[in-house]
Amino acid sequence: MTKRCGVADGDGMFVTVSLSAEAASAGTGSRFTFLDDQPRWTRSRPHPRVLTYAVSPTATVGGYLPPEAVRAAFRSAFARWARVIPVEFVETDYDHGKPDIMVGFYEGDHGDGSPFDGRYGELAHAYASEDGHIHFDAAEHWSVDVGGSDTDTGDSAVDLETVATHEIGHILGLGHSSSPEAIMYPYIDAMRRKVELSADDIDGVLLLYGSNPRFRHEQAREHHAPPRSVPSVSPGRSSWHAGSVSLVCIVLVMLVTLVK
């Protein structure tokens, strides 16, 4: 089984936005991409930018993962990006004020126009906007310890931090990468933990936000070829204003079962 990430077009269809796994492995095509118009969080904030996020208190994931384990996975995922760029992610209460980014687990039709399809289907979707949301399908078997002591997951467990790190990349404005080593590569295997940002992920996000002064990336280049944009979707969903441009995009993580 392979997890696949893509972008829904205006008709709600799933669109693959990178090369096939075979072509990408051969080193052809582009690498990191941005969402259309290279959107990023640009509101007036102290330096570094401060973005708040909250995980729903009902995020127990079927009762087998306690809320604190879920929150810890997200803290770690946000911290990976914060080490690289001058953006500080601060966890806050879900019901206190209005967090910039809200994270929750839902099943089926959950009121956003993009119903989940149950286990082995769509894993999660992120609304890349200044009204940011990341939704995970509660029907999937999520794990915070793939390959470790979490032995009750079977061969279809999905590593929560792996998917969270990928979705946060979309929230920040990154599209997909054709580099198989990248967090933003749209293929994710079951029972695999993949949480370290690659040089490709870092190069892309540095172009959007610049560097955290404490971060050193020896492989970062001064000049890049213009990245290929990921297609946007129809405007009825969620918008992110970058200057005077309103960008609408929904990023989906899909689960594809390979039948041999």
Protein backbone atom coordinates (compact mmCIF):
# COMPACT_ATOMS: atom_id res chain seq x y z
CA MET A 1 0.00 0.00 0.00
CA THR A 2 1.19 3.49 -0.85
CA LYS A 3 -0.03 6.79 0.47
CA ARG A 4 -0.26 9.48 -2.17
CA CYS A 5 -0.63 13.21 -1.79
CA GLY A 6 -2.16 15.46 -4.43
CA VAL A 7 -4.34 18.46 -5.13
CA ALA A 8 -8.02 18.35 -6.00
CA ASP A 9 -8.96 20.35 -9.07
CA GLY A 10 -12.08 22.46 -9.50
CA ASP A 11 -14.21 19.39 -10.19
CA GLY A 12 -13.03 17.62 -7.04
CA MET A 13 -10.99 15.12 -9.02
CA PHE A 14 -7.65 13.88 -7.76
CA VAL A 15 -4.71 15.20 -9.76
CA THR A 16 -1.20 13.83 -9.52
CA VAL A 17 1.15 16.78 -9.49
CA SER A 18 4.51 15.05 -9.57
CA LEU A 19 6.15 12.51 -11.79
CA SER A 20 5.53 8.84 -11.18
CA ALA A 21 7.64 7.23 -8.49
CA GLU A 22 9.75 5.57 -11.20
CA ALA A 23 10.39 8.79 -13.12
CA ALA A 24 11.13 10.75 -9.95
CA SER A 25 13.63 8.13 -8.84
CA ALA A 26 15.39 8.54 -12.17
CA GLY A 27 16.03 12.18 -11.31
CA THR A 28 13.96 13.78 -14.07
CA GLY A 29 11.61 16.74 -13.77
CA SER A 30 11.33 19.47 -11.17
CA ARG A 31 11.94 19.27 -7.44
CA PHE A 32 10.15 21.42 -4.86
CA THR A 33 7.17 23.49 -5.99
CA PHE A 34 5.05 26.28 -4.56
CA LEU A 35 1.32 26.66 -4.58
CA ASP A 36 0.12 29.18 -7.17
CA ASP A 37 1.47 32.74 -6.73
CA GLN A 38 3.93 31.53 -4.07
CA PRO A 39 1.63 32.33 -1.12
CA ARG A 40 2.97 32.67 2.39
CA TRP A 41 1.89 34.00 5.76
CA THR A 42 2.69 37.71 5.43
CA ARG A 43 0.59 39.41 8.09
CA SER A 44 2.28 42.06 10.23
CA ARG A 45 3.72 40.22 13.18
CA PRO A 46 6.80 40.46 15.37
CA HIS A 47 9.95 38.88 14.01
CA PRO A 48 9.87 35.96 13.94
CA ARG A 49 6.30 35.60 12.78
CA VAL A 50 4.13 33.99 15.43
CA LEU A 51 1.40 31.60 14.34
CA THR A 52 -0.87 29.90 16.85
CA TYR A 53 -2.26 26.42 16.40
CA ALA A 54 -4.58 24.21 18.38
CA VAL A 55 -5.43 20.52 18.32
CA SER A 56 -9.05 19.61 18.95
CA PRO A 57 -9.61 18.22 22.46
CA THR A 58 -11.68 15.45 20.86
CA ALA A 59 -8.65 14.22 18.90
CA THR A 60 -8.48 10.87 20.68
CA VAL A 61 -8.34 8.95 17.38
CA GLY A 62 -10.82 6.23 18.17
CA GLY A 63 -9.72 6.05 21.78
CA TYR A 64 -6.44 4.24 21.10
CA LEU A 65 -4.24 7.36 20.96
CA PRO A 66 -4.62 9.72 23.91
CA PRO A 67 -4.87 13.46 23.21
CA GLU A 68 -1.44 14.18 24.70
CA ALA A 69 0.23 11.71 22.32
CA VAL A 70 -1.50 13.38 19.38
CA ARG A 71 -0.51 16.86 20.58
CA ALA A 72 3.10 15.75 21.06
CA ALA A 73 3.25 14.51 17.46
CA PHE A 74 2.05 17.90 16.22
CA ARG A 75 4.43 19.83 18.47
CA SER A 76 7.30 17.89 16.96
CA ALA A 77 6.05 18.38 13.39
CA PHE A 78 5.65 22.15 13.76
CA ALA A 79 9.06 22.39 15.47
CA ARG A 80 10.78 20.81 12.46
CA TRP A 81 9.70 23.69 10.24
CA ALA A 82 10.29 26.34 12.93
CA ARG A 83 13.94 25.31 13.23
CA VAL A 84 14.45 26.35 9.60
CA ILE A 85 12.36 29.51 9.10
CA PRO A 86 11.66 32.62 11.22
CA VAL A 87 8.18 31.44 12.18
CA GLU A 88 7.30 30.48 15.73
CA PHE A 89 4.40 28.08 16.21
CA VAL A 90 2.67 28.46 19.56
CA GLU A 91 0.17 25.90 20.78
CA THR A 92 -2.98 27.35 22.30
CA ASP A 93 -6.35 26.12 23.53
CA TYR A 94 -8.74 25.04 20.81
CA ASP A 95 -11.61 27.06 22.26
CA HIS A 96 -9.55 30.08 23.30
CA GLY A 97 -9.81 32.90 20.78
CA LYS A 98 -9.23 31.85 17.19
CA PRO A 99 -5.99 29.98 16.48
CA ASP A 100 -4.35 30.59 13.11
CA ILE A 101 -4.24 26.86 12.41
CA MET A 102 -6.81 24.38 13.74
CA VAL A 103 -6.18 20.63 13.71
CA GLY A 104 -8.85 17.98 14.10
CA PHE A 105 -9.86 14.40 13.33
CA TYR A 106 -13.16 13.74 11.59
CA GLU A 107 -15.09 10.98 9.85
CA GLY A 108 -17.20 11.19 6.71
CA ASP A 109 -19.01 14.44 6.01
CA HIS A 110 -17.63 16.94 8.54
CA GLY A 111 -18.96 20.19 7.13
CA ASP A 112 -16.13 21.46 4.92
CA GLY A 113 -17.36 20.17 1.58
CA SER A 114 -14.67 17.47 1.42
CA PRO A 115 -16.04 14.38 3.20
CA PHE A 116 -13.63 11.66 4.20
CA ASP A 117 -14.11 8.26 2.60
CA GLY A 118 -13.17 5.89 5.41
CA ARG A 119 -10.16 3.69 5.94
CA TYR A 120 -7.73 3.17 3.06
CA GLY A 121 -8.95 6.28 1.29
CA GLU A 122 -8.12 9.93 1.78
CA LEU A 123 -5.87 10.41 4.80
CA ALA A 124 -6.00 14.15 5.44
CA HIS A 125 -6.47 17.54 3.85
CA ALA A 126 -5.01 20.93 4.62
CA TYR A 127 -6.67 24.22 3.78
CA ALA A 128 -3.71 26.43 2.96
CA SER A 129 -5.02 29.80 3.99
CA GLU A 130 -4.89 32.39 6.72
CA ASP A 131 -7.92 30.58 8.06
CA GLY A 132 -5.80 27.45 8.26
CA HIS A 133 -7.22 24.01 8.99
CA ILE A 134 -5.69 20.53 8.89
CA HIS A 135 -8.19 17.67 8.96
CA PHE A 136 -7.29 14.01 9.45
CA ASP A 137 -9.52 11.04 8.72
CA ALA A 138 -10.28 9.48 12.10
CA ALA A 139 -11.12 6.19 10.37
CA GLU A 140 -7.47 5.55 9.51
CA HIS A 141 -5.23 3.65 11.90
CA TRP A 142 -2.85 6.36 13.07
CA SER A 143 0.33 5.60 14.97
CA VAL A 144 2.82 7.68 16.94
CA ASP A 145 5.32 4.84 17.19
CA VAL A 146 5.58 3.09 13.82
CA GLY A 147 8.28 0.47 14.03
CA GLY A 148 8.57 0.82 17.79
CA SER A 149 6.56 -0.51 20.70
CA ASP A 150 3.29 0.25 18.92
CA THR A 151 2.75 -3.37 17.86
CA ASP A 152 -1.03 -3.23 17.58
CA THR A 153 -1.14 -1.35 14.29
CA GLY A 154 -0.89 -4.10 11.69
CA ASP A 155 0.72 -3.45 8.32
CA SER A 156 -1.47 -0.47 7.43
CA ALA A 157 -0.57 1.94 10.24
CA VAL A 158 -0.01 5.54 9.19
CA ASP A 159 2.61 7.57 11.03
CA LEU A 160 0.89 10.69 12.34
CA GLU A 161 3.94 12.94 12.56
CA THR A 162 4.98 12.01 9.01
CA VAL A 163 1.65 13.13 7.53
CA ALA A 164 1.44 16.15 9.85
CA THR A 165 4.88 17.39 8.76
CA HIS A 166 3.86 17.08 5.11
CA GLU A 167 0.55 18.91 5.64
CA ILE A 168 2.23 21.75 7.54
CA GLY A 169 4.45 22.20 4.48
CA HIS A 170 1.30 22.83 2.44
CA ILE A 171 -0.04 25.23 5.09
CA LEU A 172 3.22 27.19 4.67
CA GLY A 173 2.75 27.38 0.89
CA LEU A 174 4.81 24.49 -0.46
CA GLY A 175 3.50 22.24 -3.20
CA HIS A 176 4.89 18.82 -4.00
CA SER A 177 8.44 17.79 -4.74
CA SER A 178 9.66 15.21 -7.25
CA SER A 179 12.53 14.31 -4.92
CA PRO A 180 11.73 10.95 -3.23
CA GLU A 181 13.72 12.02 -0.16
CA ALA A 182 11.59 15.12 0.40
CA ILE A 183 8.88 15.43 3.03
CA MET A 184 6.83 17.10 0.29
CA TYR A 185 7.13 14.09 -2.03
CA PRO A 186 3.53 12.95 -2.63
CA TYR A 187 4.08 9.23 -1.98
CA ILE A 188 4.16 7.88 1.56
CA ASP A 189 4.42 4.20 2.44
CA ALA A 190 2.47 2.57 5.24
CA MET A 191 4.49 1.67 8.33
CA ARG A 192 7.14 4.22 7.42
CA ARG A 193 8.33 7.11 9.55
CA LYS A 194 9.65 9.99 7.43
CA VAL A 195 9.92 13.23 9.38
CA GLU A 196 13.32 14.81 8.64
CA LEU A 197 13.23 17.77 6.26
CA SER A 198 15.41 17.12 3.22
CA ALA A 199 17.65 19.70 1.55
CA ASP A 200 14.92 20.08 -1.06
CA ASP A 201 12.21 20.87 1.52
CA ILE A 202 14.54 23.35 3.19
CA ASP A 203 15.50 25.07 -0.05
CA GLY A 204 11.83 25.58 -0.91
CA VAL A 205 10.65 26.93 2.42
CA LEU A 206 13.68 29.24 2.72
CA LEU A 207 12.66 30.94 -0.52
CA LEU A 208 9.24 31.68 0.96
CA TYR A 209 10.27 32.83 4.45
CA GLY A 210 14.01 33.27 4.68
CA SER A 211 16.11 31.58 7.33
CA ASN A 212 15.80 31.30 11.06
CA PRO A 213 18.93 33.19 12.22
CA ARG A 214 19.96 30.16 14.29
CA PHE A 215 19.67 27.76 11.35
CA ARG A 216 22.60 26.82 9.12
CA HIS A 217 21.92 25.03 5.86
CA GLU A 218 25.15 24.46 3.98
CA GLN A 219 23.37 23.03 0.96
CA ALA A 220 21.04 26.01 0.46
CA ARG A 221 21.65 27.68 -2.89
CA GLU A 222 21.55 31.39 -3.64
CA HIS A 223 19.74 30.96 -6.94
CA HIS A 224 17.02 28.56 -7.99
CA ALA A 225 15.17 27.95 -11.22
CA PRO A 226 11.54 29.13 -10.97
CA PRO A 227 9.56 26.27 -9.42
CA ARG A 228 6.63 24.68 -11.19
CA SER A 229 3.36 25.75 -9.58
CA VAL A 230 0.83 23.31 -8.22
CA PRO A 231 -2.65 23.85 -9.70
CA SER A 232 -5.13 25.68 -7.51
CA VAL A 233 -8.73 24.63 -7.07
CA SER A 234 -12.12 26.21 -7.29
CA PRO A 235 -12.76 29.31 -5.18
CA GLY A 236 -15.62 27.93 -3.10
CA ARG A 237 -13.44 26.33 -0.49
CA SER A 238 -10.85 28.37 1.42
CA SER A 239 -8.83 31.43 0.55
CA TRP A 240 -5.39 32.75 1.43
CA HIS A 241 -4.69 36.35 0.57
CA ALA A 242 -1.16 36.99 -0.65
CA GLY A 243 -1.00 40.72 -1.26
CA SER A 244 -4.00 41.49 -3.46
CA VAL A 245 -4.23 37.98 -4.85
CA SER A 246 -6.73 35.53 -3.42
CA LEU A 247 -5.44 31.99 -3.68
CA VAL A 248 -7.67 29.02 -3.18
CA CYS A 249 -6.22 25.58 -2.67
CA ILE A 250 -7.00 22.33 -0.98
CA VAL A 251 -4.24 19.82 -0.50
CA LEU A 252 -5.23 16.22 -0.01
CA VAL A 253 -3.31 13.20 1.17
CA MET A 254 -4.71 10.11 -0.51
CA LEU A 255 -4.37 6.43 0.28
CA VAL A 256 -4.07 4.19 -2.75
CA THR A 257 -4.26 0.43 -2.36
CA LEU A 258 -2.17 -1.38 -4.94
CA VAL A 259 -3.81 -4.59 -6.04
CA LYS A 260 -1.42 -7.05 -7.55
